Amino acid sequence: MRINQSTPLSPEAYQAAIAEKGWPTNLLAKRWGLSERGLNKLISNVNRGRHYDDAVKVLPALVNW
């Protein structure tokens, strides 16, 4: 089996994906068990694990919080 290696999301695209789903970074950090600082470091790191890119792509929309 061959796995397609996707291009990592840029920090701007990553932040946009989070905002598009309606998540404030403080709540997303809590959901993922990170500090806000840790989440911000993750967002700015283009060498982050691809599983984080996958996770933000399928993040559910946050409504009525």
C-alpha atoms as a PDB file:
ATOM      1  CA  MET A   1       0.000   0.000   0.000  1.00  0.00           C
ATOM      2  CA  ARG A   2       1.276   3.451  -0.877  1.00  0.00           C
ATOM      3  CA  ILE A   3       0.372   6.457   1.241  1.00  0.00           C
ATOM      4  CA  ASN A   4       0.134   9.826  -0.449  1.00  0.00           C
ATOM      5  CA  GLN A   5       2.287  12.360   1.390  1.00  0.00           C
ATOM      6  CA  SER A   6       0.318  15.589   1.564  1.00  0.00           C
ATOM      7  CA  THR A   7       1.884  19.018   1.584  1.00  0.00           C
ATOM      8  CA  PRO A   8       1.849  20.444   5.097  1.00  0.00           C
ATOM      9  CA  LEU A   9      -0.583  23.265   5.783  1.00  0.00           C
ATOM     10  CA  SER A  10       1.062  26.664   6.134  1.00  0.00           C
ATOM     11  CA  PRO A  11       0.605  28.340   9.517  1.00  0.00           C
ATOM     12  CA  GLU A  12      -1.830  30.770   7.879  1.00  0.00           C
ATOM     13  CA  ALA A  13      -3.865  27.967   6.297  1.00  0.00           C
ATOM     14  CA  TYR A  14      -3.861  26.043   9.581  1.00  0.00           C
ATOM     15  CA  GLN A  15      -5.122  29.070  11.512  1.00  0.00           C
ATOM     16  CA  ALA A  16      -7.744  29.723   8.820  1.00  0.00           C
ATOM     17  CA  ALA A  17      -8.990  26.117   9.056  1.00  0.00           C
ATOM     18  CA  ILE A  18      -9.436  26.491  12.818  1.00  0.00           C
ATOM     19  CA  ALA A  19     -11.242  29.826  12.456  1.00  0.00           C
ATOM     20  CA  GLU A  20     -13.429  28.480   9.638  1.00  0.00           C
ATOM     21  CA  LYS A  21     -14.774  25.834  12.014  1.00  0.00           C
ATOM     22  CA  GLY A  22     -15.505  28.484  14.658  1.00  0.00           C
ATOM     23  CA  TRP A  23     -12.961  27.345  17.250  1.00  0.00           C
ATOM     24  CA  PRO A  24     -11.233  29.878  19.489  1.00  0.00           C
ATOM     25  CA  THR A  25      -7.684  28.648  20.057  1.00  0.00           C
ATOM     26  CA  ASN A  26      -8.159  28.458  23.834  1.00  0.00           C
ATOM     27  CA  LEU A  27     -11.048  25.975  23.458  1.00  0.00           C
ATOM     28  CA  LEU A  28      -9.280  23.927  20.802  1.00  0.00           C
ATOM     29  CA  ALA A  29      -6.188  23.728  22.995  1.00  0.00           C
ATOM     30  CA  LYS A  30      -8.356  22.360  25.819  1.00  0.00           C
ATOM     31  CA  ARG A  31     -10.043  19.858  23.507  1.00  0.00           C
ATOM     32  CA  TRP A  32      -6.669  18.562  22.304  1.00  0.00           C
ATOM     33  CA  GLY A  33      -5.086  18.568  25.793  1.00  0.00           C
ATOM     34  CA  LEU A  34      -2.600  21.329  24.989  1.00  0.00           C
ATOM     35  CA  SER A  35      -1.794  24.688  26.489  1.00  0.00           C
ATOM     36  CA  GLU A  36      -2.625  27.709  24.335  1.00  0.00           C
ATOM     37  CA  ARG A  37       1.095  28.291  23.919  1.00  0.00           C
ATOM     38  CA  GLY A  38       1.554  24.673  22.840  1.00  0.00           C
ATOM     39  CA  LEU A  39      -1.226  24.994  20.263  1.00  0.00           C
ATOM     40  CA  ASN A  40       0.259  28.234  18.926  1.00  0.00           C
ATOM     41  CA  LYS A  41       3.652  26.533  18.579  1.00  0.00           C
ATOM     42  CA  LEU A  42       1.983  23.646  16.769  1.00  0.00           C
ATOM     43  CA  ILE A  43       0.184  26.021  14.390  1.00  0.00           C
ATOM     44  CA  SER A  44       3.395  27.861  13.499  1.00  0.00           C
ATOM     45  CA  ASN A  45       5.462  24.683  12.999  1.00  0.00           C
ATOM     46  CA  VAL A  46       5.328  23.564   9.352  1.00  0.00           C
ATOM     47  CA  ASN A  47       7.127  20.367  10.425  1.00  0.00           C
ATOM     48  CA  ARG A  48       4.250  19.377  12.723  1.00  0.00           C
ATOM     49  CA  GLY A  49       3.059  15.789  12.500  1.00  0.00           C
ATOM     50  CA  ARG A  50       0.733  15.256   9.541  1.00  0.00           C
ATOM     51  CA  HIS A  51      -1.840  13.813  11.938  1.00  0.00           C
ATOM     52  CA  TYR A  52      -2.406  17.356  13.226  1.00  0.00           C
ATOM     53  CA  ASP A  53      -3.135  18.523   9.674  1.00  0.00           C
ATOM     54  CA  ASP A  54      -5.560  15.625   9.313  1.00  0.00           C
ATOM     55  CA  ALA A  55      -7.177  16.496  12.647  1.00  0.00           C
ATOM     56  CA  VAL A  56      -7.804  20.133  11.774  1.00  0.00           C
ATOM     57  CA  LYS A  57      -9.262  19.159   8.392  1.00  0.00           C
ATOM     58  CA  VAL A  58     -11.965  17.017  10.039  1.00  0.00           C
ATOM     59  CA  LEU A  59     -12.484  19.207  13.100  1.00  0.00           C
ATOM     60  CA  PRO A  60     -16.226  19.532  13.737  1.00  0.00           C
ATOM     61  CA  ALA A  61     -17.746  22.985  13.519  1.00  0.00           C
ATOM     62  CA  LEU A  62     -18.227  24.581  16.899  1.00  0.00           C
ATOM     63  CA  VAL A  63     -21.729  25.930  17.362  1.00  0.00           C
ATOM     64  CA  ASN A  64     -23.582  27.371  20.352  1.00  0.00           C
ATOM     65  CA  TRP A  65     -20.669  27.550  22.738  1.00  0.00           C
END
